[in-house]
């Protein structure tokens, strides 16, 4: 899943935890890269109770990781990854490499 702001793809960190952050935008789970987090964190949805941007969207619910409140998602159910441009082509190319298929 790319960064919702700049479109950069996440790579595995060399050591330790990833500097990327999960968030919710328009009630869909998104990733935000470290570069965009400083300037585009305000574009993420916030908790209606505590105002935190530490939200996760799963199985049609949005949960705040700060205060624990849970509500039903009103939008697309957190399926933002299926709308990423070029994702199907990237998956197909990765499978071809792993399975040693010739395009």
C-alpha atoms as a PDB file:
ATOM      1  CA  UNK A   1       0.000   0.000   0.000  1.00  0.00           C
ATOM      2  CA  UNK A   2       1.523   3.363  -0.969  1.00  0.00           C
ATOM      3  CA  UNK A   3       1.683   6.546   1.107  1.00  0.00           C
ATOM      4  CA  UNK A   4      -1.716   8.206   0.730  1.00  0.00           C
ATOM      5  CA  UNK A   5      -0.065  11.580   0.175  1.00  0.00           C
ATOM      6  CA  UNK A   6       2.965  11.101  -2.093  1.00  0.00           C
ATOM      7  CA  UNK A   7       2.430   7.550  -3.392  1.00  0.00           C
ATOM      8  CA  UNK A   8       5.806   6.224  -2.194  1.00  0.00           C
ATOM      9  CA  UNK A   9       5.889   2.473  -1.545  1.00  0.00           C
ATOM     10  CA  UNK A  10       6.895   1.167   1.863  1.00  0.00           C
ATOM     11  CA  UNK A  11      10.091  -0.856   2.045  1.00  0.00           C
ATOM     12  CA  UNK A  12      11.236  -3.168   4.811  1.00  0.00           C
ATOM     13  CA  UNK A  13      13.264  -1.366   7.470  1.00  0.00           C
ATOM     14  CA  UNK A  14      16.888  -2.437   7.907  1.00  0.00           C
ATOM     15  CA  UNK A  15      16.467  -2.890  11.675  1.00  0.00           C
ATOM     16  CA  UNK A  16      13.762  -2.140  14.156  1.00  0.00           C
ATOM     17  CA  UNK A  17      10.232  -1.004  13.599  1.00  0.00           C
ATOM     18  CA  UNK A  18       9.024   0.771  10.502  1.00  0.00           C
ATOM     19  CA  UNK A  19       8.993   4.587  10.545  1.00  0.00           C
ATOM     20  CA  UNK A  20       5.744   4.514   8.525  1.00  0.00           C
ATOM     21  CA  UNK A  21       2.466   5.224  10.296  1.00  0.00           C
ATOM     22  CA  UNK A  22      -1.000   3.787   9.826  1.00  0.00           C
ATOM     23  CA  UNK A  23      -3.953   6.109   9.880  1.00  0.00           C
ATOM     24  CA  UNK A  24      -7.491   6.527   8.661  1.00  0.00           C
ATOM     25  CA  UNK A  25      -8.498   8.970   5.934  1.00  0.00           C
ATOM     26  CA  UNK A  26     -12.066   9.243   4.691  1.00  0.00           C
ATOM     27  CA  UNK A  27     -12.744   6.159   6.831  1.00  0.00           C
ATOM     28  CA  UNK A  28     -10.242   3.969   4.955  1.00  0.00           C
ATOM     29  CA  UNK A  29      -6.987   2.561   6.331  1.00  0.00           C
ATOM     30  CA  UNK A  30      -3.967   4.365   4.844  1.00  0.00           C
ATOM     31  CA  UNK A  31      -0.206   4.470   5.300  1.00  0.00           C
ATOM     32  CA  UNK A  32       1.772   7.661   5.621  1.00  0.00           C
ATOM     33  CA  UNK A  33       5.520   7.842   5.005  1.00  0.00           C
ATOM     34  CA  UNK A  34       7.868   9.546   7.450  1.00  0.00           C
ATOM     35  CA  UNK A  35       8.425  12.514   5.102  1.00  0.00           C
ATOM     36  CA  UNK A  36       4.719  13.223   4.650  1.00  0.00           C
ATOM     37  CA  UNK A  37       3.742  12.563   8.261  1.00  0.00           C
ATOM     38  CA  UNK A  38       5.002  15.953   9.433  1.00  0.00           C
ATOM     39  CA  UNK A  39       3.125  17.949   6.805  1.00  0.00           C
ATOM     40  CA  UNK A  40       0.064  15.829   6.001  1.00  0.00           C
ATOM     41  CA  UNK A  41      -0.950  14.375   9.373  1.00  0.00           C
ATOM     42  CA  UNK A  42      -3.738  16.992   9.491  1.00  0.00           C
ATOM     43  CA  UNK A  43      -5.298  15.283   6.429  1.00  0.00           C
ATOM     44  CA  UNK A  44      -6.038  12.163   8.505  1.00  0.00           C
ATOM     45  CA  UNK A  45      -9.363  11.538  10.242  1.00  0.00           C
ATOM     46  CA  UNK A  46      -9.431  12.251  13.975  1.00  0.00           C
ATOM     47  CA  UNK A  47     -11.206  10.627  16.889  1.00  0.00           C
ATOM     48  CA  UNK A  48     -14.445  12.417  17.711  1.00  0.00           C
ATOM     49  CA  UNK A  49     -13.852  11.878  21.446  1.00  0.00           C
ATOM     50  CA  UNK A  50     -10.181  12.698  22.015  1.00  0.00           C
ATOM     51  CA  UNK A  51      -9.045  14.269  18.705  1.00  0.00           C
ATOM     52  CA  UNK A  52      -6.213  11.764  18.141  1.00  0.00           C
ATOM     53  CA  UNK A  53      -5.138  10.710  14.627  1.00  0.00           C
ATOM     54  CA  UNK A  54      -4.082   7.273  15.958  1.00  0.00           C
ATOM     55  CA  UNK A  55      -6.988   5.470  14.305  1.00  0.00           C
ATOM     56  CA  UNK A  56      -7.219   2.049  12.689  1.00  0.00           C
ATOM     57  CA  UNK A  57      -9.956   0.784  10.394  1.00  0.00           C
ATOM     58  CA  UNK A  58     -10.785  -2.891  10.317  1.00  0.00           C
ATOM     59  CA  UNK A  59     -13.832  -4.989   9.526  1.00  0.00           C
ATOM     60  CA  UNK A  60     -16.028  -1.951   9.034  1.00  0.00           C
ATOM     61  CA  UNK A  61     -15.073  -0.320  12.329  1.00  0.00           C
ATOM     62  CA  UNK A  62     -12.828   2.612  13.172  1.00  0.00           C
ATOM     63  CA  UNK A  63     -10.981   2.295  16.482  1.00  0.00           C
ATOM     64  CA  UNK A  64      -8.977   4.979  18.285  1.00  0.00           C
ATOM     65  CA  UNK A  65      -5.690   3.605  19.594  1.00  0.00           C
ATOM     66  CA  UNK A  66      -5.436   6.496  22.056  1.00  0.00           C
ATOM     67  CA  UNK A  67      -8.742   6.311  23.936  1.00  0.00           C
ATOM     68  CA  UNK A  68     -10.124   2.957  22.719  1.00  0.00           C
ATOM     69  CA  UNK A  69     -13.405   4.254  21.313  1.00  0.00           C
ATOM     70  CA  UNK A  70     -14.893   2.182  18.474  1.00  0.00           C
ATOM     71  CA  UNK A  71     -17.480   3.235  15.912  1.00  0.00           C
ATOM     72  CA  UNK A  72     -18.857   1.840  12.678  1.00  0.00           C
ATOM     73  CA  UNK A  73     -17.191   3.083   9.510  1.00  0.00           C
ATOM     74  CA  UNK A  74     -19.629   4.989   7.329  1.00  0.00           C
ATOM     75  CA  UNK A  75     -17.501   4.955   4.164  1.00  0.00           C
ATOM     76  CA  UNK A  76     -15.972   2.279   1.987  1.00  0.00           C
ATOM     77  CA  UNK A  77     -15.132  -0.161   4.784  1.00  0.00           C
ATOM     78  CA  UNK A  78     -11.394   0.469   4.745  1.00  0.00           C
ATOM     79  CA  UNK A  79     -10.695  -0.950   1.299  1.00  0.00           C
ATOM     80  CA  UNK A  80      -8.389   1.825   0.091  1.00  0.00           C
ATOM     81  CA  UNK A  81      -5.712  -0.592  -1.135  1.00  0.00           C
ATOM     82  CA  UNK A  82      -7.980  -1.965  -3.836  1.00  0.00           C
ATOM     83  CA  UNK A  83      -8.168   1.505  -5.404  1.00  0.00           C
ATOM     84  CA  UNK A  84      -4.393   2.077  -5.575  1.00  0.00           C
ATOM     85  CA  UNK A  85      -3.364   2.705  -9.179  1.00  0.00           C
ATOM     86  CA  UNK A  86      -1.067   0.064 -10.615  1.00  0.00           C
ATOM     87  CA  UNK A  87      -1.293  -2.251  -7.620  1.00  0.00           C
ATOM     88  CA  UNK A  88      -2.609  -5.199  -9.644  1.00  0.00           C
ATOM     89  CA  UNK A  89       0.267  -4.812 -12.118  1.00  0.00           C
ATOM     90  CA  UNK A  90       2.818  -4.696  -9.289  1.00  0.00           C
ATOM     91  CA  UNK A  91       1.378  -7.832  -7.683  1.00  0.00           C
ATOM     92  CA  UNK A  92       1.370  -9.648 -11.022  1.00  0.00           C
ATOM     93  CA  UNK A  93       5.020  -8.702 -11.650  1.00  0.00           C
ATOM     94  CA  UNK A  94       6.041  -9.799  -8.148  1.00  0.00           C
ATOM     95  CA  UNK A  95       4.316 -13.164  -8.576  1.00  0.00           C
ATOM     96  CA  UNK A  96       6.001 -13.630 -11.939  1.00  0.00           C
ATOM     97  CA  UNK A  97       9.416 -12.977 -10.340  1.00  0.00           C
ATOM     98  CA  UNK A  98       8.781 -15.339  -7.429  1.00  0.00           C
ATOM     99  CA  UNK A  99       7.341 -18.079  -9.595  1.00  0.00           C
ATOM    100  CA  UNK A 100      10.008 -17.461 -12.285  1.00  0.00           C
ATOM    101  CA  UNK A 101       7.464 -16.884 -15.006  1.00  0.00           C
ATOM    102  CA  UNK A 102       8.562 -15.237 -18.228  1.00  0.00           C
ATOM    103  CA  UNK A 103       6.268 -12.304 -19.161  1.00  0.00           C
END
